[in-house]
Amino acid sequence: MRSIKPILTPELVAHVGQSSVWQAAAYPLETYRDLAEHVARLSYLNPKHLLFFRGQGADFQSKAGGTTLYPSIYRGDNVPRRELEYRFEQLDAAARLLSDRFTKDSVEGHKDVAKKRYIQWSILQHYDVVPTPLLDLTHSLRVACSFAQYASGGPHCYVYAIGLPFISNRIAIDSEDDIVNIRLLSICPPSALRPHFQEGCMVGTPDVAVDFESKTELDFRNRLVAKFAIPRVRRAFWRNGFAGIPRKDLYPLGDSIKSLCAEVGSSLRESYQPAGTLGDFIFEWAQLERALVERARRFRERNVSVLEAINTIAHHDHLSEDLLRELNVLRSFRNRAVHTPETVAGQDFGEIIHRLRNLRRHLGHGASISP
């Protein structure tokens, strides 16, 4: 995607200095009123861009430093092409299962879901079924702030203002900026409550999968207009008649598409179980890696490698020596399988996959696990 150079308020100019916005620390604001007024000024100063927002519990940093905002399928340091290909194969399988289920159940909008991969990806991403090339954003500053506060475990959380091209269609592709913007309010069926309640949209880089010159061209830090640090404590932030959005409204009960997507996820896992191939191993490793990285993110405000995630969890959750040894053995096997697959030819992938599933199951039950 094409990078932008935003016009900043005087306060942000002084705060950022000679750095890019993504390299500088987040600008602190104490109340929603302060934030809304600052965003209003940024919107006025940047009339060529439409501002969208993203809330996070932590400001995830790259290993080189600075905010990174990758779509979920591209996250991770130095992801090999082979592993990225497996991730897209997994996404394709999930999209087929989703489309088939929508059609079978005659869900309103199933014809659109069957025809348009961006709709399939949007639903799979929004309901956290599998990683996709899309990044969740919202039209609503209140939604972004509320989501960030619920996701945070520290004293502060983060809100990002991202400048995108103006949109005129449900799925808008801007060939100049190389950005696709999917308006969830227009393309998701009415029974998909979560994207409607969250006023969500999805953005990505069109026609890009595993072939790209530089991974950083897929990072939405390239479109970052501002990033703010706000208090996690709600009563300190929502004053003067403003109120955050209750968790039950961000994640509404009775969302039938959430239940459908959970079943798609279960079917996807079952479909990978029988063969015991290298592809199945990579699929299972991706699930374990995701669990490890998400768990480590509770303690570190940056993207971490799998090894860093293991060490971070070991330090904070006091994992046993036996468990650490097993994690590192499996990590080493994964590295050989991805980088030099000929060295694992003929291996019993069924036994390795069983060990991976055992680890995932135990990780879901806390730190006191034995392999």
Protein backbone atom coordinates (compact mmCIF):
# COMPACT_ATOMS: atom_id res chain seq x y z
CA MET A 1 0.00 0.00 0.00
CA ARG A 2 1.05 3.58 -0.49
CA SER A 3 2.33 5.40 2.60
CA ILE A 4 0.94 8.79 3.63
CA LYS A 5 2.51 11.75 5.39
CA PRO A 6 -0.26 13.14 7.62
CA ILE A 7 -0.64 16.76 8.63
CA LEU A 8 -0.41 16.85 12.43
CA THR A 9 -1.70 19.21 15.08
CA PRO A 10 0.94 21.46 16.70
CA GLU A 11 0.84 19.30 19.82
CA LEU A 12 1.56 16.15 17.81
CA VAL A 13 4.30 17.87 15.81
CA ALA A 14 6.09 18.76 19.05
CA HIS A 15 5.50 15.26 20.45
CA VAL A 16 6.64 13.30 17.38
CA GLY A 17 9.63 15.49 16.55
CA GLN A 18 11.71 14.16 13.67
CA SER A 19 10.23 10.63 13.94
CA SER A 20 7.40 9.14 11.97
CA VAL A 21 4.11 8.78 13.83
CA TRP A 22 4.52 5.00 14.07
CA GLN A 23 8.01 5.36 15.56
CA ALA A 24 7.08 7.90 18.25
CA ALA A 25 5.45 7.12 21.58
CA ALA A 26 1.67 7.35 21.78
CA TYR A 27 0.34 10.82 22.61
CA PRO A 28 -1.39 10.73 26.03
CA LEU A 29 -4.90 12.12 26.51
CA GLU A 30 -6.91 11.81 29.70
CA THR A 31 -10.57 12.11 28.63
CA TYR A 32 -12.79 11.14 25.74
CA ARG A 33 -13.66 14.80 25.21
CA ASP A 34 -9.97 15.63 24.73
CA LEU A 35 -9.55 12.74 22.32
CA ALA A 36 -12.65 13.56 20.26
CA GLU A 37 -11.58 17.19 19.91
CA HIS A 38 -8.08 16.19 18.85
CA VAL A 39 -9.44 13.75 16.26
CA ALA A 40 -11.77 16.48 14.94
CA ARG A 41 -8.77 18.72 14.34
CA LEU A 42 -6.87 15.92 12.61
CA SER A 43 -9.85 15.21 10.36
CA TYR A 44 -9.96 18.87 9.36
CA LEU A 45 -6.21 19.00 8.69
CA ASN A 46 -6.30 15.84 6.53
CA PRO A 47 -9.26 16.33 4.18
CA LYS A 48 -7.91 13.87 1.60
CA HIS A 49 -8.24 10.97 4.03
CA LEU A 50 -11.15 9.41 5.87
CA LEU A 51 -10.21 8.52 9.43
CA PHE A 52 -10.94 5.06 10.81
CA PHE A 53 -10.02 3.82 14.26
CA ARG A 54 -8.57 0.78 15.99
CA GLY A 55 -8.40 0.13 19.72
CA GLN A 56 -5.83 -2.19 21.32
CA GLY A 57 -4.90 -3.11 24.85
CA ALA A 58 -1.20 -2.75 24.02
CA ASP A 59 0.91 -0.90 21.45
CA PHE A 60 2.52 -3.85 19.71
CA GLN A 61 6.02 -3.07 18.48
CA SER A 62 8.18 -4.67 15.80
CA LYS A 63 11.59 -6.07 16.74
CA ALA A 64 13.17 -3.01 15.11
CA GLY A 65 10.97 -0.72 17.21
CA GLY A 66 7.81 1.22 16.42
CA THR A 67 4.14 0.34 16.10
CA THR A 68 3.17 -2.44 13.71
CA LEU A 69 -0.39 -2.99 12.43
CA TYR A 70 -0.30 -6.08 10.25
CA PRO A 71 -3.36 -8.10 9.25
CA SER A 72 -3.35 -11.29 11.30
CA ILE A 73 -2.18 -13.67 8.55
CA TYR A 74 1.11 -11.79 8.16
CA ARG A 75 1.99 -11.47 11.85
CA GLY A 76 5.21 -13.00 13.10
CA ASP A 77 8.88 -12.32 12.54
CA ASN A 78 10.38 -13.68 9.32
CA VAL A 79 7.43 -15.90 8.40
CA PRO A 80 8.75 -18.27 5.70
CA ARG A 81 6.92 -18.39 2.38
CA ARG A 82 6.10 -22.08 2.91
CA GLU A 83 4.34 -21.34 6.19
CA LEU A 84 2.49 -18.38 4.69
CA GLU A 85 1.26 -20.65 1.91
CA TYR A 86 -0.13 -23.06 4.53
CA ARG A 87 -1.90 -20.18 6.24
CA PHE A 88 -3.61 -19.24 2.98
CA GLU A 89 -4.53 -22.87 2.35
CA GLN A 90 -6.14 -22.94 5.78
CA LEU A 91 -7.98 -19.69 4.97
CA ASP A 92 -9.25 -21.12 1.68
CA ALA A 93 -10.53 -24.23 3.44
CA ALA A 94 -12.29 -22.13 6.08
CA ALA A 95 -13.86 -19.92 3.39
CA ARG A 96 -15.27 -22.97 1.59
CA LEU A 97 -16.72 -24.35 4.82
CA LEU A 98 -18.26 -20.97 5.66
CA SER A 99 -19.83 -20.56 2.22
CA ASP A 100 -21.22 -24.10 2.29
CA ARG A 101 -22.69 -23.58 5.74
CA PHE A 102 -24.32 -20.25 4.80
CA THR A 103 -25.87 -21.88 1.73
CA LYS A 104 -27.00 -25.00 3.58
CA ASP A 105 -28.69 -22.95 6.31
CA SER A 106 -30.12 -20.45 3.79
CA VAL A 107 -28.69 -17.58 5.83
CA GLU A 108 -29.79 -14.22 4.49
CA GLY A 109 -27.05 -12.97 2.20
CA HIS A 110 -25.67 -16.45 1.45
CA LYS A 111 -25.44 -15.72 -2.30
CA ASP A 112 -23.09 -12.80 -1.67
CA VAL A 113 -21.05 -14.90 0.75
CA ALA A 114 -20.73 -17.66 -1.85
CA LYS A 115 -19.49 -15.25 -4.55
CA LYS A 116 -17.23 -12.77 -2.78
CA ARG A 117 -14.06 -13.85 -1.01
CA TYR A 118 -13.72 -10.48 0.75
CA ILE A 119 -17.04 -11.11 2.50
CA GLN A 120 -15.92 -14.61 3.47
CA TRP A 121 -12.61 -13.27 4.81
CA SER A 122 -14.34 -10.44 6.68
CA ILE A 123 -16.64 -12.80 8.55
CA LEU A 124 -13.84 -15.27 9.32
CA GLN A 125 -11.64 -12.43 10.63
CA HIS A 126 -14.32 -10.66 12.63
CA TYR A 127 -15.36 -13.86 14.40
CA ASP A 128 -11.73 -14.95 14.92
CA VAL A 129 -11.97 -18.25 13.02
CA VAL A 130 -8.62 -18.08 11.18
CA PRO A 131 -6.05 -15.38 10.41
CA THR A 132 -6.80 -13.39 7.24
CA PRO A 133 -5.19 -10.63 5.12
CA LEU A 134 -7.65 -8.12 6.62
CA LEU A 135 -7.33 -5.76 9.58
CA ASP A 136 -10.30 -4.87 11.83
CA LEU A 137 -11.13 -1.16 12.06
CA THR A 138 -14.22 0.82 13.07
CA HIS A 139 -15.97 4.01 12.03
CA SER A 140 -16.66 4.78 15.68
CA LEU A 141 -14.18 6.44 18.03
CA ARG A 142 -16.34 5.32 20.99
CA VAL A 143 -16.14 1.68 19.85
CA ALA A 144 -12.35 1.87 19.46
CA CYS A 145 -11.91 3.38 22.94
CA SER A 146 -14.26 0.88 24.58
CA PHE A 147 -12.63 -2.08 22.89
CA ALA A 148 -9.15 -0.88 23.90
CA GLN A 149 -10.16 -0.52 27.54
CA TYR A 150 -11.67 -4.01 27.71
CA ALA A 151 -8.58 -5.49 26.05
CA SER A 152 -6.05 -3.82 28.34
CA GLY A 153 -4.50 -5.18 31.51
CA GLY A 154 -2.27 -2.20 32.23
CA PRO A 155 -2.84 1.42 33.22
CA HIS A 156 -3.15 2.59 29.60
CA CYS A 157 -4.53 1.37 26.30
CA TYR A 158 -4.20 2.63 22.75
CA VAL A 159 -6.30 4.14 19.99
CA TYR A 160 -5.05 4.52 16.43
CA ALA A 161 -6.34 6.94 13.80
CA ILE A 162 -5.72 5.53 10.33
CA GLY A 163 -6.16 7.56 7.15
CA LEU A 164 -7.83 5.73 4.26
CA PRO A 165 -9.27 6.70 0.88
CA PHE A 166 -12.90 7.79 0.82
CA ILE A 167 -15.28 4.93 0.05
CA SER A 168 -18.37 4.80 -2.14
CA ASN A 169 -19.18 1.08 -2.30
CA ARG A 170 -19.63 -1.86 0.03
CA ILE A 171 -16.28 -3.18 -1.16
CA ALA A 172 -14.10 -0.29 -2.30
CA ILE A 173 -10.77 -0.94 -4.01
CA ASP A 174 -8.50 2.07 -4.46
CA SER A 175 -5.90 1.24 -7.11
CA GLU A 176 -3.84 4.37 -6.42
CA ASP A 177 -3.35 3.68 -2.70
CA ASP A 178 -3.56 -0.12 -3.18
CA ILE A 179 -6.15 -0.57 -0.43
CA VAL A 180 -9.39 -2.51 -0.22
CA ASN A 181 -12.00 -1.34 2.30
CA ILE A 182 -14.94 -3.59 3.19
CA ARG A 183 -17.87 -1.91 4.93
CA LEU A 184 -19.23 -4.62 7.22
CA LEU A 185 -22.47 -2.76 7.91
CA SER A 186 -23.36 -3.18 4.24
CA ILE A 187 -22.09 -6.66 3.42
CA CYS A 188 -22.68 -8.74 6.57
CA PRO A 189 -26.10 -10.39 6.96
CA PRO A 190 -28.37 -8.79 9.59
CA SER A 191 -28.00 -11.88 11.78
CA ALA A 192 -24.27 -11.08 12.18
CA LEU A 193 -24.76 -8.80 15.16
CA ARG A 194 -21.15 -8.19 16.20
CA PRO A 195 -19.96 -6.24 13.11
CA HIS A 196 -23.12 -4.11 13.18
CA PHE A 197 -22.82 -3.31 16.88
CA GLN A 198 -19.11 -2.55 16.49
CA GLU A 199 -19.65 -0.42 13.36
CA GLY A 200 -16.84 -2.40 11.83
CA CYS A 201 -14.95 -2.42 8.56
CA MET A 202 -12.07 -4.47 7.19
CA VAL A 203 -9.07 -3.19 5.26
CA GLY A 204 -6.31 -4.91 3.37
CA THR A 205 -4.07 -4.82 0.33
CA PRO A 206 -5.86 -6.19 -2.76
CA ASP A 207 -4.40 -9.01 -4.86
CA VAL A 208 -1.57 -9.69 -2.42
CA ALA A 209 -1.09 -13.14 -0.88
CA VAL A 210 2.38 -14.62 -0.52
CA ASP A 211 4.12 -12.61 -3.26
CA PHE A 212 5.30 -9.17 -2.19
CA GLU A 213 8.49 -7.18 -2.48
CA SER A 214 8.62 -6.20 1.18
CA LYS A 215 6.38 -7.31 4.01
CA THR A 216 6.28 -3.76 5.37
CA GLU A 217 4.13 -2.72 2.39
CA LEU A 218 1.33 -4.70 4.09
CA ASP A 219 1.69 -2.88 7.44
CA PHE A 220 -1.05 -0.32 8.13
CA ARG A 221 1.41 1.74 10.12
CA ASN A 222 1.99 3.21 6.64
CA ARG A 223 -1.42 4.92 6.97
CA LEU A 224 -1.12 5.94 10.62
CA VAL A 225 -2.23 9.52 11.26
CA ALA A 226 -1.95 9.43 15.06
CA LYS A 227 -1.78 7.07 18.01
CA PHE A 228 -3.07 7.94 21.45
CA ALA A 229 -2.63 6.50 24.92
CA ILE A 230 -5.78 6.70 27.05
CA PRO A 231 -6.53 5.55 30.63
CA ARG A 232 -7.79 2.00 31.00
CA VAL A 233 -9.92 2.98 34.01
CA ARG A 234 -13.26 3.93 32.49
CA ARG A 235 -14.44 6.39 35.12
CA ALA A 236 -11.23 8.41 34.64
CA PHE A 237 -11.83 8.69 30.92
CA TRP A 238 -15.59 8.93 30.31
CA ARG A 239 -16.63 12.24 31.83
CA ASN A 240 -18.79 15.25 31.00
CA GLY A 241 -21.78 13.24 29.79
CA PHE A 242 -19.83 10.76 27.63
CA ALA A 243 -20.11 7.02 28.21
CA GLY A 244 -18.32 3.96 26.91
CA ILE A 245 -20.09 1.07 25.24
CA PRO A 246 -20.93 -1.88 27.54
CA ARG A 247 -19.12 -5.13 26.77
CA LYS A 248 -22.46 -6.88 26.20
CA ASP A 249 -23.17 -4.47 23.35
CA LEU A 250 -19.77 -4.93 21.71
CA TYR A 251 -20.17 -8.70 21.93
CA PRO A 252 -23.97 -9.15 21.84
CA LEU A 253 -25.62 -12.36 22.95
CA GLY A 254 -27.78 -14.26 20.52
CA ASP A 255 -25.45 -13.74 17.58
CA SER A 256 -26.26 -16.73 15.36
CA ILE A 257 -23.33 -16.07 13.02
CA LYS A 258 -20.94 -16.33 15.98
CA SER A 259 -22.30 -19.82 16.67
CA LEU A 260 -22.10 -20.73 12.99
CA CYS A 261 -18.47 -19.57 12.80
CA ALA A 262 -17.58 -21.58 15.91
CA GLU A 263 -18.91 -24.66 14.13
CA VAL A 264 -16.91 -23.78 11.01
CA GLY A 265 -13.78 -23.59 13.17
CA SER A 266 -14.51 -27.01 14.67
CA SER A 267 -15.11 -28.52 11.23
CA LEU A 268 -11.87 -27.00 9.98
CA ARG A 269 -9.88 -28.57 12.82
CA GLU A 270 -11.53 -31.95 12.26
CA SER A 271 -10.80 -31.83 8.53
CA TYR A 272 -7.08 -31.54 9.27
CA GLN A 273 -6.94 -34.44 11.70
CA PRO A 274 -6.84 -37.70 9.72
CA ALA A 275 -3.93 -37.47 7.26
CA GLY A 276 -0.99 -36.66 9.54
CA THR A 277 0.96 -34.85 6.80
CA LEU A 278 3.44 -31.99 6.90
CA GLY A 279 0.60 -29.63 6.04
CA ASP A 280 -1.40 -30.89 9.01
CA PHE A 281 1.59 -30.35 11.27
CA ILE A 282 2.01 -26.75 10.07
CA PHE A 283 -1.70 -26.16 10.62
CA GLU A 284 -1.49 -27.45 14.19
CA TRP A 285 1.70 -25.49 14.87
CA ALA A 286 -0.02 -22.29 13.73
CA GLN A 287 -2.71 -22.87 16.37
CA LEU A 288 -0.10 -23.42 19.09
CA GLU A 289 1.95 -20.40 17.98
CA ARG A 290 -1.15 -18.21 18.07
CA ALA A 291 -1.95 -19.34 21.61
CA LEU A 292 1.62 -18.73 22.78
CA VAL A 293 1.93 -15.27 21.22
CA GLU A 294 -1.47 -14.12 22.48
CA ARG A 295 -0.59 -15.31 25.97
CA ALA A 296 2.79 -13.55 25.90
CA ARG A 297 1.17 -10.30 24.74
CA ARG A 298 -0.42 -9.94 28.15
CA PHE A 299 3.05 -9.21 29.48
CA ARG A 300 4.90 -7.49 26.61
CA GLU A 301 3.80 -4.53 24.51
CA ARG A 302 5.27 -5.64 21.21
CA ASN A 303 5.01 -8.44 18.72
CA VAL A 304 7.16 -11.33 19.86
CA SER A 305 8.73 -14.33 18.19
CA VAL A 306 7.70 -17.80 19.30
CA LEU A 307 10.93 -18.20 21.26
CA GLU A 308 10.37 -14.86 23.00
CA ALA A 309 6.78 -15.87 23.72
CA ILE A 310 7.92 -19.13 25.29
CA ASN A 311 10.50 -17.36 27.46
CA THR A 312 8.03 -14.66 28.48
CA ILE A 313 5.37 -17.19 29.49
CA ALA A 314 7.97 -19.28 31.32
CA HIS A 315 9.04 -16.25 33.36
CA HIS A 316 5.58 -14.99 34.26
CA ASP A 317 3.64 -18.27 34.49
CA HIS A 318 6.45 -20.40 35.99
CA LEU A 319 6.26 -23.23 33.49
CA SER A 320 7.94 -26.51 34.34
CA GLU A 321 11.32 -27.52 32.90
CA ASP A 322 9.70 -30.52 31.21
CA LEU A 323 7.17 -28.30 29.48
CA LEU A 324 9.82 -25.83 28.33
CA ARG A 325 11.87 -28.67 26.93
CA GLU A 326 8.88 -30.02 25.00
CA LEU A 327 8.00 -26.59 23.62
CA ASN A 328 11.53 -26.06 22.37
CA VAL A 329 11.77 -29.53 20.85
CA LEU A 330 8.59 -28.90 18.89
CA ARG A 331 9.77 -25.43 17.89
CA SER A 332 13.00 -26.87 16.53
CA PHE A 333 11.06 -29.53 14.61
CA ARG A 334 8.84 -26.82 13.13
CA ASN A 335 11.89 -24.84 11.97
CA ARG A 336 13.32 -27.89 10.22
CA ALA A 337 9.95 -28.77 8.68
CA VAL A 338 9.54 -25.29 7.21
CA HIS A 339 13.10 -24.45 6.19
CA THR A 340 14.52 -27.87 5.29
CA PRO A 341 11.52 -30.22 4.84
CA GLU A 342 13.76 -32.93 3.35
CA THR A 343 15.27 -33.46 6.83
CA VAL A 344 11.90 -34.55 8.25
CA ALA A 345 10.85 -36.74 5.33
CA GLY A 346 9.43 -40.01 6.58
CA GLN A 347 8.83 -38.72 10.10
CA ASP A 348 5.75 -39.83 12.02
CA PHE A 349 3.77 -36.60 11.81
CA GLY A 350 0.86 -38.25 13.58
CA GLU A 351 2.87 -38.58 16.80
CA ILE A 352 4.22 -35.00 16.55
CA ILE A 353 0.73 -33.65 15.88
CA HIS A 354 -0.56 -35.52 18.92
CA ARG A 355 2.08 -33.81 21.08
CA LEU A 356 1.15 -30.41 19.64
CA ARG A 357 -2.52 -30.93 20.42
CA ASN A 358 -1.64 -32.05 23.91
CA LEU A 359 0.30 -28.84 24.49
CA ARG A 360 -2.51 -26.69 23.13
CA ARG A 361 -5.02 -28.42 25.37
CA HIS A 362 -2.89 -27.92 28.46
CA LEU A 363 -2.10 -24.31 27.63
CA GLY A 364 -5.80 -23.65 27.64
CA HIS A 365 -5.99 -24.86 31.24
CA GLY A 366 -3.23 -22.76 32.74
CA ALA A 367 0.47 -22.93 33.43
CA SER A 368 0.74 -26.07 35.53
CA ILE A 369 1.03 -28.50 32.63
CA SER A 370 3.03 -31.59 31.90
CA PRO A 371 3.77 -32.83 28.38
